[in-house]
Amino acid sequence: MAGKGRGVAAFTFNIEALGIGRGSMPEARVGPSPLFPNTDFKPVPLKAGEDEDYMLALKQEMRGAMQRLPHNIKFESNKSEVERYTEKYLKYSQMEDEQWIPDWNLFPKELMPQKKKPHAKPGTKRKTVKLSRKETEDMLNKLDELSKKDDGNPEKSDDEAEKKKGNADEEEDVEEEEYDEEDIEEENDYIESYFDNGEDFAAGSDDNMDGEATY
């Protein structure tokens, strides 16, 4: 029962060595602490104006559009209902309507989509065909001769084209005639093979029988 009524100190170490005296200890609070303590630095009032209202409206519109997008991850509902056609149709309509075209002037250049251009490898070289002057002159002369022939005889070229068309039409007519003759021959063959002169008609009837029974 040491420490009760015999004048023994409550602490086993020296408090004065820590720089704390008997009067420096905080007093025990009897009532509740205040809910909102006094602030040393008060907040700055918000700016009000047309620019701030415009930025606020843009922020709300962008947040609502991002939430309505089908790519937005939503909380799974515990409803065991079947997905209705109207809900599915609304999703597709939202996907079509929410085609956001950003203003690329407000974004950095790194985020802009770029088209890749095919770059040639450093080891490969493009093949270039070098023509001599004689070859180029010969080619130009041939082209001039061909152009002169076409300009000098435009009627011949027209006549040749008409002849070609006439020959093609004649070939088509011949093919049609041959096809018709083949059809007629096949029909005649069918008639000749199944021709019946009527001699065997009613050969097995009761009138032509001699009265003898056949078994």
N, C-alpha and C. Protein backbone atom coordinates (compact mmCIF):
# COMPACT_ATOMS: atom_id res chain seq x y z
N MET A 1 0.85 -1.19 0.00
CA MET A 1 0.00 0.00 0.00
C MET A 1 0.88 1.23 0.00
N ALA A 2 1.96 1.17 -0.73
CA ALA A 2 2.87 2.32 -0.78
C ALA A 2 2.26 3.40 -1.61
N GLY A 3 2.48 4.62 -1.24
CA GLY A 3 2.01 5.77 -2.01
C GLY A 3 0.68 6.28 -1.56
N LYS A 4 0.09 5.76 -0.54
CA LYS A 4 -1.20 6.24 -0.06
C LYS A 4 -1.04 6.82 1.34
N GLY A 5 -1.17 8.12 1.43
CA GLY A 5 -1.16 8.79 2.73
C GLY A 5 0.20 8.89 3.37
N ARG A 6 1.27 8.60 2.65
CA ARG A 6 2.59 8.67 3.25
C ARG A 6 3.44 9.76 2.62
N GLY A 7 2.85 10.62 1.71
CA GLY A 7 3.59 11.73 1.14
C GLY A 7 4.51 11.35 0.02
N VAL A 8 4.24 10.24 -0.65
CA VAL A 8 5.08 9.83 -1.77
C VAL A 8 4.59 10.54 -3.03
N ALA A 9 5.51 11.02 -3.87
CA ALA A 9 5.14 11.75 -5.10
C ALA A 9 4.45 10.82 -6.09
N ALA A 10 3.59 11.42 -6.97
CA ALA A 10 2.86 10.63 -7.96
C ALA A 10 3.76 10.20 -9.11
N PHE A 11 4.83 10.98 -9.44
CA PHE A 11 5.76 10.65 -10.53
C PHE A 11 7.00 10.03 -9.94
N THR A 12 7.54 9.06 -10.63
CA THR A 12 8.75 8.40 -10.17
C THR A 12 10.02 9.08 -10.66
N PHE A 13 9.86 10.08 -11.57
CA PHE A 13 11.03 10.81 -12.08
C PHE A 13 10.88 12.27 -11.74
N ASN A 14 11.96 13.00 -11.92
CA ASN A 14 12.01 14.41 -11.56
C ASN A 14 11.40 15.23 -12.69
N ILE A 15 10.31 15.96 -12.46
CA ILE A 15 9.63 16.77 -13.47
C ILE A 15 10.41 18.05 -13.74
N GLU A 16 11.06 18.57 -12.78
CA GLU A 16 11.79 19.82 -12.96
C GLU A 16 12.96 19.66 -13.93
N ALA A 17 13.47 18.43 -14.06
CA ALA A 17 14.55 18.20 -15.03
C ALA A 17 14.08 18.39 -16.46
N LEU A 18 12.79 18.20 -16.72
CA LEU A 18 12.23 18.41 -18.05
C LEU A 18 11.84 19.85 -18.32
N GLY A 19 11.97 20.71 -17.36
CA GLY A 19 11.61 22.12 -17.53
C GLY A 19 10.15 22.39 -17.28
N ILE A 20 9.47 21.52 -16.60
CA ILE A 20 8.04 21.68 -16.34
C ILE A 20 7.87 21.89 -14.84
N GLY A 21 7.20 22.99 -14.51
CA GLY A 21 6.93 23.27 -13.10
C GLY A 21 5.52 22.85 -12.72
N ARG A 22 5.22 23.09 -11.50
CA ARG A 22 3.89 22.71 -11.01
C ARG A 22 2.80 23.61 -11.59
N GLY A 23 3.09 24.85 -11.86
CA GLY A 23 2.07 25.78 -12.37
C GLY A 23 1.92 25.75 -13.87
N SER A 24 2.84 25.07 -14.56
CA SER A 24 2.78 25.06 -16.04
C SER A 24 1.89 23.94 -16.60
N MET A 25 1.40 23.09 -15.82
CA MET A 25 0.53 22.01 -16.28
C MET A 25 -0.85 22.57 -16.66
N PRO A 26 -1.49 22.07 -17.75
CA PRO A 26 -2.81 22.58 -18.13
C PRO A 26 -3.87 22.13 -17.14
N GLU A 27 -4.84 22.97 -17.01
CA GLU A 27 -5.93 22.65 -16.09
C GLU A 27 -6.92 21.67 -16.76
N ALA A 28 -7.54 20.88 -15.98
CA ALA A 28 -8.54 19.93 -16.48
C ALA A 28 -9.81 20.67 -16.87
N ARG A 29 -10.36 20.31 -18.04
CA ARG A 29 -11.56 20.95 -18.54
C ARG A 29 -12.78 20.19 -18.03
N VAL A 30 -13.72 20.97 -17.60
CA VAL A 30 -14.95 20.37 -17.07
C VAL A 30 -16.01 20.27 -18.16
N GLY A 31 -16.14 21.32 -19.03
CA GLY A 31 -17.17 21.36 -20.08
C GLY A 31 -16.64 20.84 -21.41
N PRO A 32 -17.47 20.74 -22.43
CA PRO A 32 -17.06 20.27 -23.76
C PRO A 32 -16.23 21.34 -24.48
N SER A 33 -15.42 20.88 -25.40
CA SER A 33 -14.58 21.79 -26.19
C SER A 33 -15.42 22.48 -27.25
N PRO A 34 -15.04 23.65 -27.73
CA PRO A 34 -15.84 24.36 -28.74
C PRO A 34 -15.82 23.60 -30.07
N LEU A 35 -16.92 23.65 -30.81
CA LEU A 35 -17.03 22.94 -32.09
C LEU A 35 -16.15 23.57 -33.16
N PHE A 36 -16.18 24.86 -33.31
CA PHE A 36 -15.41 25.56 -34.34
C PHE A 36 -14.47 26.54 -33.66
N PRO A 37 -13.22 26.18 -33.62
CA PRO A 37 -12.27 27.11 -32.99
C PRO A 37 -12.05 28.35 -33.86
N ASN A 38 -11.55 29.35 -33.25
CA ASN A 38 -11.30 30.60 -33.97
C ASN A 38 -10.17 30.41 -34.99
N THR A 39 -10.39 30.88 -36.23
CA THR A 39 -9.39 30.76 -37.29
C THR A 39 -8.57 32.03 -37.35
N ASP A 40 -7.27 31.83 -37.51
CA ASP A 40 -6.38 32.98 -37.62
C ASP A 40 -6.45 33.63 -39.01
N PHE A 41 -6.62 32.79 -40.07
CA PHE A 41 -6.66 33.30 -41.44
C PHE A 41 -8.03 33.00 -42.03
N LYS A 42 -8.74 34.02 -42.37
CA LYS A 42 -10.07 33.86 -42.92
C LYS A 42 -9.98 33.61 -44.44
N PRO A 43 -10.92 32.81 -45.04
CA PRO A 43 -10.86 32.53 -46.48
C PRO A 43 -11.18 33.77 -47.31
N VAL A 44 -10.59 33.79 -48.48
CA VAL A 44 -10.80 34.92 -49.40
C VAL A 44 -12.18 34.77 -50.04
N PRO A 45 -12.95 35.80 -50.18
CA PRO A 45 -14.27 35.67 -50.84
C PRO A 45 -14.11 35.30 -52.31
N LEU A 46 -15.09 34.54 -52.81
CA LEU A 46 -15.07 34.08 -54.20
C LEU A 46 -15.31 35.24 -55.15
N LYS A 47 -14.69 35.10 -56.34
CA LYS A 47 -14.89 36.11 -57.37
C LYS A 47 -16.23 35.87 -58.05
N ALA A 48 -16.88 36.93 -58.37
CA ALA A 48 -18.18 36.85 -59.04
C ALA A 48 -18.13 37.71 -60.29
N GLY A 49 -18.59 37.12 -61.39
CA GLY A 49 -18.58 37.86 -62.65
C GLY A 49 -19.01 36.96 -63.80
N GLU A 50 -19.03 37.53 -65.01
CA GLU A 50 -19.46 36.75 -66.18
C GLU A 50 -18.46 35.64 -66.51
N ASP A 51 -17.16 35.93 -66.38
CA ASP A 51 -16.15 34.92 -66.72
C ASP A 51 -16.24 33.73 -65.77
N GLU A 52 -16.43 33.99 -64.47
CA GLU A 52 -16.51 32.90 -63.50
C GLU A 52 -17.79 32.07 -63.72
N ASP A 53 -18.90 32.75 -64.04
CA ASP A 53 -20.14 32.02 -64.29
C ASP A 53 -20.01 31.15 -65.54
N TYR A 54 -19.33 31.65 -66.56
CA TYR A 54 -19.14 30.88 -67.80
C TYR A 54 -18.28 29.64 -67.55
N MET A 55 -17.20 29.82 -66.76
CA MET A 55 -16.34 28.68 -66.44
C MET A 55 -17.08 27.65 -65.60
N LEU A 56 -17.93 28.10 -64.70
CA LEU A 56 -18.70 27.18 -63.87
C LEU A 56 -19.71 26.40 -64.71
N ALA A 57 -20.35 27.07 -65.65
CA ALA A 57 -21.30 26.37 -66.53
C ALA A 57 -20.58 25.34 -67.41
N LEU A 58 -19.40 25.69 -67.91
CA LEU A 58 -18.63 24.74 -68.72
C LEU A 58 -18.23 23.53 -67.90
N LYS A 59 -17.82 23.75 -66.66
CA LYS A 59 -17.41 22.64 -65.80
C LYS A 59 -18.59 21.69 -65.54
N GLN A 60 -19.75 22.24 -65.25
CA GLN A 60 -20.91 21.40 -64.99
C GLN A 60 -21.35 20.63 -66.24
N GLU A 61 -21.28 21.29 -67.40
CA GLU A 61 -21.67 20.62 -68.64
C GLU A 61 -20.70 19.48 -68.97
N MET A 62 -19.42 19.71 -68.79
CA MET A 62 -18.42 18.68 -69.08
C MET A 62 -18.56 17.51 -68.11
N ARG A 63 -18.79 17.80 -66.85
CA ARG A 63 -18.95 16.73 -65.87
C ARG A 63 -20.19 15.89 -66.17
N GLY A 64 -21.29 16.54 -66.54
CA GLY A 64 -22.50 15.79 -66.89
C GLY A 64 -22.31 14.95 -68.14
N ALA A 65 -21.58 15.50 -69.14
CA ALA A 65 -21.34 14.73 -70.37
C ALA A 65 -20.46 13.52 -70.10
N MET A 66 -19.46 13.68 -69.25
CA MET A 66 -18.59 12.55 -68.93
C MET A 66 -19.33 11.47 -68.16
N GLN A 67 -20.28 11.87 -67.32
CA GLN A 67 -21.06 10.89 -66.57
C GLN A 67 -22.06 10.15 -67.45
N ARG A 68 -22.54 10.81 -68.52
CA ARG A 68 -23.51 10.18 -69.41
C ARG A 68 -22.86 9.29 -70.45
N LEU A 69 -21.58 9.36 -70.62
CA LEU A 69 -20.91 8.54 -71.63
C LEU A 69 -21.01 7.06 -71.26
N PRO A 70 -21.11 6.18 -72.26
CA PRO A 70 -21.18 4.74 -71.95
C PRO A 70 -19.89 4.17 -71.38
N HIS A 71 -18.78 4.88 -71.57
CA HIS A 71 -17.51 4.38 -71.04
C HIS A 71 -17.34 4.67 -69.55
N ASN A 72 -18.26 5.45 -68.99
CA ASN A 72 -18.17 5.76 -67.58
C ASN A 72 -18.52 4.54 -66.74
N ILE A 73 -17.69 4.20 -65.78
CA ILE A 73 -17.91 3.04 -64.91
C ILE A 73 -18.93 3.43 -63.84
N LYS A 74 -20.03 2.70 -63.82
CA LYS A 74 -21.10 2.98 -62.86
C LYS A 74 -21.21 1.84 -61.86
N PHE A 75 -21.82 2.15 -60.74
CA PHE A 75 -22.03 1.14 -59.71
C PHE A 75 -23.07 0.13 -60.18
N GLU A 76 -22.79 -1.12 -59.93
CA GLU A 76 -23.72 -2.18 -60.33
C GLU A 76 -24.92 -2.19 -59.40
N SER A 77 -26.09 -2.21 -60.01
CA SER A 77 -27.31 -2.24 -59.22
C SER A 77 -27.69 -3.70 -58.92
N ASN A 78 -28.34 -3.90 -57.81
CA ASN A 78 -28.75 -5.23 -57.38
C ASN A 78 -30.10 -5.64 -57.96
N LYS A 79 -30.62 -4.86 -58.90
CA LYS A 79 -31.92 -5.18 -59.47
C LYS A 79 -31.77 -6.37 -60.42
N SER A 80 -32.71 -7.29 -60.32
CA SER A 80 -32.71 -8.47 -61.17
C SER A 80 -33.71 -8.32 -62.31
N GLU A 81 -33.79 -7.11 -62.88
CA GLU A 81 -34.73 -6.85 -63.96
C GLU A 81 -34.05 -7.10 -65.30
N VAL A 82 -34.87 -7.44 -66.27
CA VAL A 82 -34.37 -7.66 -67.62
C VAL A 82 -34.16 -6.29 -68.28
N GLU A 83 -33.06 -6.19 -69.04
CA GLU A 83 -32.79 -4.93 -69.71
C GLU A 83 -33.84 -4.66 -70.78
N ARG A 84 -34.44 -3.52 -70.70
CA ARG A 84 -35.51 -3.19 -71.63
C ARG A 84 -34.92 -2.65 -72.93
N TYR A 85 -35.76 -2.67 -73.96
CA TYR A 85 -35.31 -2.19 -75.27
C TYR A 85 -35.07 -0.69 -75.23
N THR A 86 -35.90 0.03 -74.49
CA THR A 86 -35.74 1.49 -74.44
C THR A 86 -34.40 1.88 -73.82
N GLU A 87 -33.99 1.15 -72.77
CA GLU A 87 -32.71 1.47 -72.14
C GLU A 87 -31.55 1.21 -73.10
N LYS A 88 -31.63 0.10 -73.84
CA LYS A 88 -30.58 -0.20 -74.80
C LYS A 88 -30.55 0.84 -75.92
N TYR A 89 -31.72 1.28 -76.36
CA TYR A 89 -31.80 2.29 -77.42
C TYR A 89 -31.24 3.62 -76.93
N LEU A 90 -31.51 3.96 -75.67
CA LEU A 90 -31.00 5.21 -75.13
C LEU A 90 -29.48 5.21 -75.05
N LYS A 91 -28.89 4.06 -74.74
CA LYS A 91 -27.43 3.98 -74.68
C LYS A 91 -26.82 4.27 -76.05
N TYR A 92 -27.38 3.64 -77.09
CA TYR A 92 -26.84 3.87 -78.43
C TYR A 92 -27.06 5.31 -78.87
N SER A 93 -28.20 5.89 -78.53
CA SER A 93 -28.45 7.27 -78.92
C SER A 93 -27.50 8.22 -78.20
N GLN A 94 -27.20 7.92 -76.93
CA GLN A 94 -26.23 8.75 -76.22
C GLN A 94 -24.84 8.64 -76.82
N MET A 95 -24.47 7.44 -77.25
CA MET A 95 -23.16 7.26 -77.88
C MET A 95 -23.05 8.07 -79.18
N GLU A 96 -24.16 8.13 -79.93
CA GLU A 96 -24.13 8.89 -81.17
C GLU A 96 -24.17 10.39 -80.92
N ASP A 97 -24.92 10.80 -79.91
CA ASP A 97 -25.07 12.24 -79.65
C ASP A 97 -23.84 12.83 -78.97
N GLU A 98 -23.20 12.07 -78.11
CA GLU A 98 -22.10 12.60 -77.32
C GLU A 98 -20.77 12.47 -78.07
N GLN A 99 -20.74 12.93 -79.30
CA GLN A 99 -19.48 12.97 -80.04
C GLN A 99 -18.81 14.31 -79.75
N TRP A 100 -17.87 14.25 -78.86
CA TRP A 100 -17.22 15.47 -78.38
C TRP A 100 -16.06 15.81 -79.30
N ILE A 101 -16.11 16.98 -79.89
CA ILE A 101 -15.03 17.48 -80.75
C ILE A 101 -14.32 18.58 -79.98
N PRO A 102 -13.14 18.30 -79.46
CA PRO A 102 -12.46 19.30 -78.64
C PRO A 102 -11.88 20.43 -79.47
N ASP A 103 -11.66 21.53 -78.80
CA ASP A 103 -10.97 22.67 -79.41
C ASP A 103 -9.48 22.48 -79.17
N TRP A 104 -8.77 22.06 -80.21
CA TRP A 104 -7.36 21.70 -80.05
C TRP A 104 -6.48 22.91 -79.78
N ASN A 105 -7.02 24.10 -79.94
CA ASN A 105 -6.21 25.28 -79.60
C ASN A 105 -6.02 25.42 -78.09
N LEU A 106 -6.89 24.76 -77.32
CA LEU A 106 -6.78 24.83 -75.86
C LEU A 106 -5.99 23.68 -75.27
N PHE A 107 -5.53 22.75 -76.12
CA PHE A 107 -4.78 21.59 -75.64
C PHE A 107 -3.34 21.67 -76.12
N PRO A 108 -2.44 21.01 -75.43
CA PRO A 108 -1.06 21.00 -75.91
C PRO A 108 -0.92 20.20 -77.20
N LYS A 109 0.17 20.44 -77.92
CA LYS A 109 0.39 19.78 -79.20
C LYS A 109 0.62 18.28 -79.05
N GLU A 110 1.10 17.86 -77.87
CA GLU A 110 1.39 16.43 -77.68
C GLU A 110 0.13 15.59 -77.71
N LEU A 111 -1.03 16.18 -77.35
CA LEU A 111 -2.28 15.43 -77.31
C LEU A 111 -3.02 15.42 -78.64
N MET A 112 -2.60 16.20 -79.59
CA MET A 112 -3.27 16.26 -80.87
C MET A 112 -2.99 14.99 -81.67
N PRO A 113 -3.99 14.42 -82.34
CA PRO A 113 -3.74 13.22 -83.17
C PRO A 113 -2.90 13.57 -84.38
N GLN A 114 -1.93 12.74 -84.63
CA GLN A 114 -1.01 12.98 -85.74
C GLN A 114 -1.06 11.79 -86.68
N LYS A 115 -0.96 12.09 -87.95
CA LYS A 115 -0.93 11.05 -88.97
C LYS A 115 0.51 10.64 -89.21
N LYS A 116 0.72 9.34 -89.14
CA LYS A 116 2.08 8.82 -89.33
C LYS A 116 2.40 8.76 -90.82
N LYS A 117 3.55 9.26 -91.15
CA LYS A 117 4.03 9.22 -92.52
C LYS A 117 5.09 8.14 -92.64
N PRO A 118 5.03 7.38 -93.72
CA PRO A 118 6.06 6.33 -93.88
C PRO A 118 7.44 6.95 -94.13
N HIS A 119 8.36 6.57 -93.27
CA HIS A 119 9.73 7.05 -93.40
C HIS A 119 10.58 5.95 -94.02
N ALA A 120 11.42 6.36 -94.94
CA ALA A 120 12.31 5.40 -95.58
C ALA A 120 13.44 5.03 -94.64
N LYS A 121 13.85 3.79 -94.70
CA LYS A 121 14.95 3.34 -93.86
C LYS A 121 16.26 3.97 -94.31
N PRO A 122 17.17 4.18 -93.37
CA PRO A 122 18.42 4.84 -93.77
C PRO A 122 19.25 4.00 -94.73
N GLY A 123 19.12 2.66 -94.67
CA GLY A 123 19.94 1.81 -95.54
C GLY A 123 19.40 1.68 -96.95
N THR A 124 18.07 1.93 -97.13
CA THR A 124 17.47 1.76 -98.46
C THR A 124 17.55 3.05 -99.26
N LYS A 125 17.68 2.88 -100.57
CA LYS A 125 17.76 4.01 -101.48
C LYS A 125 16.71 3.83 -102.57
N ARG A 126 16.16 4.92 -103.00
CA ARG A 126 15.16 4.86 -104.06
C ARG A 126 15.85 4.58 -105.40
N LYS A 127 15.19 3.71 -106.17
CA LYS A 127 15.74 3.37 -107.47
C LYS A 127 15.31 4.43 -108.48
N THR A 128 16.26 5.01 -109.13
CA THR A 128 16.01 6.02 -110.14
C THR A 128 16.57 5.53 -111.47
N VAL A 129 15.72 5.53 -112.47
CA VAL A 129 16.14 5.10 -113.81
C VAL A 129 16.59 6.32 -114.58
N LYS A 130 17.82 6.29 -115.01
CA LYS A 130 18.39 7.39 -115.76
C LYS A 130 18.35 7.05 -117.24
N LEU A 131 17.76 7.94 -118.02
CA LEU A 131 17.69 7.78 -119.46
C LEU A 131 18.65 8.73 -120.13
N SER A 132 19.23 8.24 -121.17
CA SER A 132 20.16 9.10 -121.92
C SER A 132 19.38 10.05 -122.81
N ARG A 133 20.07 10.98 -123.41
CA ARG A 133 19.40 11.96 -124.27
C ARG A 133 18.85 11.30 -125.52
N LYS A 134 19.57 10.33 -126.05
CA LYS A 134 19.09 9.66 -127.25
C LYS A 134 17.79 8.92 -126.98
N GLU A 135 17.73 8.24 -125.85
CA GLU A 135 16.50 7.51 -125.53
C GLU A 135 15.31 8.43 -125.34
N THR A 136 15.53 9.53 -124.68
CA THR A 136 14.44 10.49 -124.49
C THR A 136 14.00 11.09 -125.82
N GLU A 137 14.95 11.39 -126.69
CA GLU A 137 14.58 11.94 -128.00
C GLU A 137 13.80 10.93 -128.81
N ASP A 138 14.22 9.65 -128.77
CA ASP A 138 13.49 8.61 -129.50
C ASP A 138 12.06 8.46 -128.98
N MET A 139 11.91 8.49 -127.69
CA MET A 139 10.57 8.38 -127.10
C MET A 139 9.68 9.54 -127.52
N LEU A 140 10.22 10.76 -127.52
CA LEU A 140 9.44 11.93 -127.91
C LEU A 140 9.06 11.87 -129.38
N ASN A 141 9.99 11.39 -130.22
CA ASN A 141 9.68 11.28 -131.65
C ASN A 141 8.57 10.28 -131.90
N LYS A 142 8.62 9.13 -131.21
CA LYS A 142 7.57 8.13 -131.38
C LYS A 142 6.21 8.67 -130.96
N LEU A 143 6.19 9.40 -129.85
CA LEU A 143 4.93 9.98 -129.40
C LEU A 143 4.39 10.99 -130.39
N ASP A 144 5.28 11.79 -130.99
CA ASP A 144 4.84 12.76 -131.99
C ASP A 144 4.27 12.07 -133.21
N GLU A 145 4.92 10.98 -133.66
CA GLU A 145 4.42 10.25 -134.82
C GLU A 145 3.04 9.65 -134.56
N LEU A 146 2.87 9.09 -133.37
CA LEU A 146 1.56 8.51 -133.04
C LEU A 146 0.47 9.57 -132.98
N SER A 147 0.80 10.71 -132.40
CA SER A 147 -0.20 11.79 -132.34
C SER A 147 -0.55 12.31 -133.72
N LYS A 148 0.44 12.39 -134.63
CA LYS A 148 0.16 12.85 -135.99
C LYS A 148 -0.73 11.86 -136.74
N LYS A 149 -0.47 10.55 -136.55
CA LYS A 149 -1.31 9.56 -137.20
C LYS A 149 -2.74 9.65 -136.73
N ASP A 150 -2.92 9.84 -135.45
CA ASP A 150 -4.28 9.96 -134.93
C ASP A 150 -4.97 11.22 -135.41
N ASP A 151 -4.21 12.32 -135.50
CA ASP A 151 -4.80 13.57 -135.98
C ASP A 151 -5.07 13.53 -137.47
N GLY A 152 -4.23 12.85 -138.25
CA GLY A 152 -4.39 12.83 -139.71
C GLY A 152 -5.52 11.94 -140.17
N ASN A 153 -5.80 10.86 -139.52
CA ASN A 153 -6.83 9.91 -139.94
C ASN A 153 -7.83 9.67 -138.81
N PRO A 154 -8.63 10.68 -138.47
CA PRO A 154 -9.63 10.43 -137.43
C PRO A 154 -10.77 9.56 -137.91
N GLU A 155 -11.03 9.59 -139.31
CA GLU A 155 -12.15 8.80 -139.83
C GLU A 155 -11.83 7.32 -139.77
N LYS A 156 -10.55 6.96 -140.01
CA LYS A 156 -10.18 5.56 -139.98
C LYS A 156 -10.40 4.94 -138.61
N SER A 157 -10.03 5.71 -137.60
CA SER A 157 -10.22 5.19 -136.25
C SER A 157 -11.70 4.98 -135.94
N ASP A 158 -12.55 5.93 -136.44
CA ASP A 158 -13.99 5.77 -136.22
C ASP A 158 -14.53 4.57 -136.98
N ASP A 159 -14.04 4.39 -138.24
CA ASP A 159 -14.50 3.25 -139.03
C ASP A 159 -14.10 1.94 -138.38
N GLU A 160 -12.86 1.89 -137.85
CA GLU A 160 -12.42 0.66 -137.21
C GLU A 160 -13.28 0.34 -135.99
N ALA A 161 -13.62 1.35 -135.23
CA ALA A 161 -14.46 1.12 -134.06
C ALA A 161 -15.84 0.61 -134.47
N GLU A 162 -16.41 1.21 -135.56
CA GLU A 162 -17.73 0.76 -136.00
C GLU A 162 -17.68 -0.67 -136.52
N LYS A 163 -16.57 -1.01 -137.24
CA LYS A 163 -16.43 -2.38 -137.73
C LYS A 163 -16.38 -3.38 -136.59
N LYS A 164 -15.63 -3.02 -135.56
CA LYS A 164 -15.55 -3.91 -134.40
C LYS A 164 -16.91 -4.12 -133.77
N LYS A 165 -17.68 -3.03 -133.66
CA LYS A 165 -19.02 -3.16 -133.07
C LYS A 165 -19.91 -4.04 -133.93
N GLY A 166 -19.83 -3.84 -135.30
CA GLY A 166 -20.65 -4.65 -136.19
C GLY A 166 -20.31 -6.12 -136.11
N ASN A 167 -19.01 -6.43 -136.03
CA ASN A 167 -18.61 -7.83 -135.92
C ASN A 167 -19.11 -8.46 -134.62
N ALA A 168 -19.05 -7.69 -133.56
CA ALA A 168 -19.54 -8.22 -132.27
C ALA A 168 -21.03 -8.50 -132.33
N ASP A 169 -21.81 -7.60 -132.98
CA ASP A 169 -23.26 -7.81 -133.09
C ASP A 169 -23.57 -9.05 -133.93
N GLU A 170 -22.82 -9.23 -135.05
CA GLU A 170 -23.05 -10.39 -135.89
C GLU A 170 -22.77 -11.69 -135.15
N GLU A 171 -21.69 -11.70 -134.35
CA GLU A 171 -21.38 -12.90 -133.58
C GLU A 171 -22.48 -13.23 -132.59
N GLU A 172 -23.06 -12.19 -131.97
CA GLU A 172 -24.15 -12.42 -131.02
C GLU A 172 -25.37 -13.00 -131.73
N ASP A 173 -25.69 -12.48 -132.97
CA ASP A 173 -26.86 -12.99 -133.71
C ASP A 173 -26.66 -14.45 -134.08
N VAL A 174 -25.43 -14.80 -134.51
CA VAL A 174 -25.15 -16.19 -134.89
C VAL A 174 -25.31 -17.11 -133.70
N GLU A 175 -24.84 -16.71 -132.56
CA GLU A 175 -24.97 -17.53 -131.37
C GLU A 175 -26.43 -17.74 -131.00
N GLU A 176 -27.26 -16.68 -131.12
CA GLU A 176 -28.67 -16.81 -130.79
C GLU A 176 -29.36 -17.77 -131.75
N GLU A 177 -29.03 -17.71 -133.06
CA GLU A 177 -29.64 -18.60 -134.04
C GLU A 177 -29.27 -20.06 -133.76
N GLU A 178 -27.98 -20.28 -133.47
CA GLU A 178 -27.55 -21.64 -133.15
C GLU A 178 -28.27 -22.17 -131.92
N TYR A 179 -28.47 -21.31 -130.93
CA TYR A 179 -29.16 -21.73 -129.72
C TYR A 179 -30.61 -22.11 -130.01
N ASP A 180 -31.28 -21.35 -130.88
CA ASP A 180 -32.67 -21.65 -131.21
C ASP A 180 -32.77 -22.97 -131.96
N GLU A 181 -31.84 -23.22 -132.92
CA GLU A 181 -31.87 -24.47 -133.67
C GLU A 181 -31.67 -25.67 -132.76
N GLU A 182 -30.77 -25.55 -131.81
CA GLU A 182 -30.55 -26.65 -130.87
C GLU A 182 -31.79 -26.94 -130.06
N ASP A 183 -32.51 -25.90 -129.62
CA ASP A 183 -33.74 -26.10 -128.85
C ASP A 183 -34.79 -26.82 -129.68
N ILE A 184 -34.91 -26.44 -130.96
CA ILE A 184 -35.92 -27.07 -131.83
C ILE A 184 -35.60 -28.55 -132.04
N GLU A 185 -34.29 -28.86 -132.27
CA GLU A 185 -33.90 -30.25 -132.47
C GLU A 185 -34.20 -31.10 -131.24
N GLU A 186 -33.92 -30.53 -130.06
CA GLU A 186 -34.21 -31.29 -128.83
C GLU A 186 -35.70 -31.54 -128.68
N GLU A 187 -36.55 -30.58 -129.03
CA GLU A 187 -38.00 -30.77 -128.93
C GLU A 187 -38.47 -31.86 -129.90
N ASN A 188 -37.92 -31.85 -131.13
CA ASN A 188 -38.31 -32.87 -132.11
C ASN A 188 -37.89 -34.26 -131.65
N ASP A 189 -36.69 -34.35 -131.06
CA ASP A 189 -36.24 -35.65 -130.56
C ASP A 189 -37.19 -36.18 -129.49
N TYR A 190 -37.63 -35.30 -128.64
CA TYR A 190 -38.55 -35.71 -127.57
C TYR A 190 -39.87 -36.21 -128.17
N ILE A 191 -40.38 -35.53 -129.21
CA ILE A 191 -41.66 -35.92 -129.82
C ILE A 191 -41.52 -37.26 -130.53
N GLU A 192 -40.39 -37.45 -131.30
CA GLU A 192 -40.21 -38.69 -132.03
C GLU A 192 -40.05 -39.89 -131.09
N SER A 193 -39.34 -39.70 -129.98
CA SER A 193 -39.11 -40.81 -129.08
C SER A 193 -40.38 -41.24 -128.36
N TYR A 194 -41.33 -40.32 -128.17
CA TYR A 194 -42.56 -40.65 -127.47
C TYR A 194 -43.78 -40.62 -128.41
N PHE A 195 -43.57 -40.85 -129.68
CA PHE A 195 -44.69 -40.84 -130.62
C PHE A 195 -45.49 -42.15 -130.50
N ASP A 196 -46.81 -42.03 -130.51
CA ASP A 196 -47.68 -43.18 -130.37
C ASP A 196 -48.77 -43.06 -131.45
N ASN A 197 -48.85 -44.09 -132.35
CA ASN A 197 -49.83 -44.04 -133.44
C ASN A 197 -51.21 -44.55 -133.05
N GLY A 198 -51.39 -45.10 -131.85
CA GLY A 198 -52.70 -45.54 -131.40
C GLY A 198 -53.03 -46.95 -131.72
N GLU A 199 -52.09 -47.73 -132.28
CA GLU A 199 -52.39 -49.12 -132.62
C GLU A 199 -52.53 -49.99 -131.38
N ASP A 200 -51.76 -49.72 -130.39
CA ASP A 200 -51.79 -50.52 -129.16
C ASP A 200 -52.83 -50.04 -128.16
N PHE A 201 -53.70 -49.11 -128.58
CA PHE A 201 -54.69 -48.57 -127.66
C PHE A 201 -55.74 -49.62 -127.33
N ALA A 202 -56.09 -49.84 -126.11
CA ALA A 202 -57.11 -50.79 -125.63
C ALA A 202 -56.77 -52.21 -126.00
N ALA A 203 -55.44 -52.51 -126.08
CA ALA A 203 -55.04 -53.88 -126.42
C ALA A 203 -55.33 -54.82 -125.27
N GLY A 204 -55.32 -54.36 -124.06
CA GLY A 204 -55.55 -55.24 -122.91
C GLY A 204 -56.93 -55.15 -122.36
N SER A 205 -57.89 -54.60 -123.14
CA SER A 205 -59.25 -54.46 -122.64
C SER A 205 -60.02 -55.78 -122.77
N ASP A 206 -61.22 -55.84 -122.25
CA ASP A 206 -62.02 -57.06 -122.26
C ASP A 206 -62.57 -57.37 -123.65
N ASP A 207 -62.74 -56.35 -124.52
CA ASP A 207 -63.32 -56.57 -125.85
C ASP A 207 -62.39 -57.34 -126.76
N ASN A 208 -61.09 -57.13 -126.63
CA ASN A 208 -60.13 -57.77 -127.53
C ASN A 208 -59.67 -59.14 -127.04
N MET A 209 -60.15 -59.56 -125.94
CA MET A 209 -59.75 -60.88 -125.42
C MET A 209 -60.55 -61.99 -126.10
N ASP A 210 -59.94 -63.16 -126.33
CA ASP A 210 -60.57 -64.29 -127.02
C ASP A 210 -61.41 -65.15 -126.10
N GLY A 211 -61.57 -64.83 -124.93
CA GLY A 211 -62.36 -65.60 -124.00
C GLY A 211 -61.55 -66.55 -123.16
N GLU A 212 -60.26 -66.63 -123.45
CA GLU A 212 -59.40 -67.49 -122.66
C GLU A 212 -58.81 -66.71 -121.51
N ALA A 213 -58.77 -67.40 -120.40
CA ALA A 213 -58.21 -66.72 -119.21
C ALA A 213 -56.71 -66.76 -119.26
N THR A 214 -56.14 -65.76 -118.83
CA THR A 214 -54.67 -65.66 -118.77
C THR A 214 -54.26 -65.63 -117.33
N TYR A 215 -53.23 -66.40 -117.06
CA TYR A 215 -52.75 -66.48 -115.68
C TYR A 215 -51.32 -66.00 -115.63
